[in-house]
């Protein structure tokens, strides 16, 4: 089933009759200001908050009026195809065959991880459609060209400033130039506990189509 997909302030927003919802594979739990959501003819219960965030505080932090956030407790029930340029997202209930270039993912507490290459090194990354830019917890980050100072936020931590850098990455045989920062120490330690060195945000697929196929443990670039 197809839905309108908006990109605003670099957030991926599912447009529903009641308003916008952030699509976030980096969150294991959905939450919002209503008790349930009907997505692709399935009804899902929605918590009012997660780790101190609710729809109002999420709206305040993101700068976007949203009804809530849809995490992997719901997203992992579907095969999802993002077409940001065309402004569409498709939710499928039947497992899709791999088309295009596929890459394996695995899961920690329902959140997907994949592996990219930076300067020939394999780096494990959380695949996070809710992240507007990426993170890498490595001192080598300082050797790349600086970009800007960004403001970001995380549940339980609040807002923080991040210095970002231009970092070339490789996914399979495809190359991307992405914006990377370094997380605050406590968040970086949390990443290391789940076997990840960083976060791969949504920047790399805003110009291409991407399939997120959690039941096949794949992401696919179309």
Foldseek 3Di string as FASTA:
>chain_A
DKFFWAQDLLFTWTQDPVGTATEKLPDLFWAFDDQWDQDPNDIDGHHQADLPDGQVVVCVQSVHRHRIYDYQVPQQQFKWKDAQVVRMIDTHNDQDDADADKFFWDDDSRWTWGWKDFPNDIFIATEIQRDSFKEFADPCQVVAAWDAKDWDQDRPGGIDIWTWGFTWMGDPNDIDTGIYTHDPPVVCVVQVVRPGRMHHYDVVPNNWMWIDRNVVRIIHTD
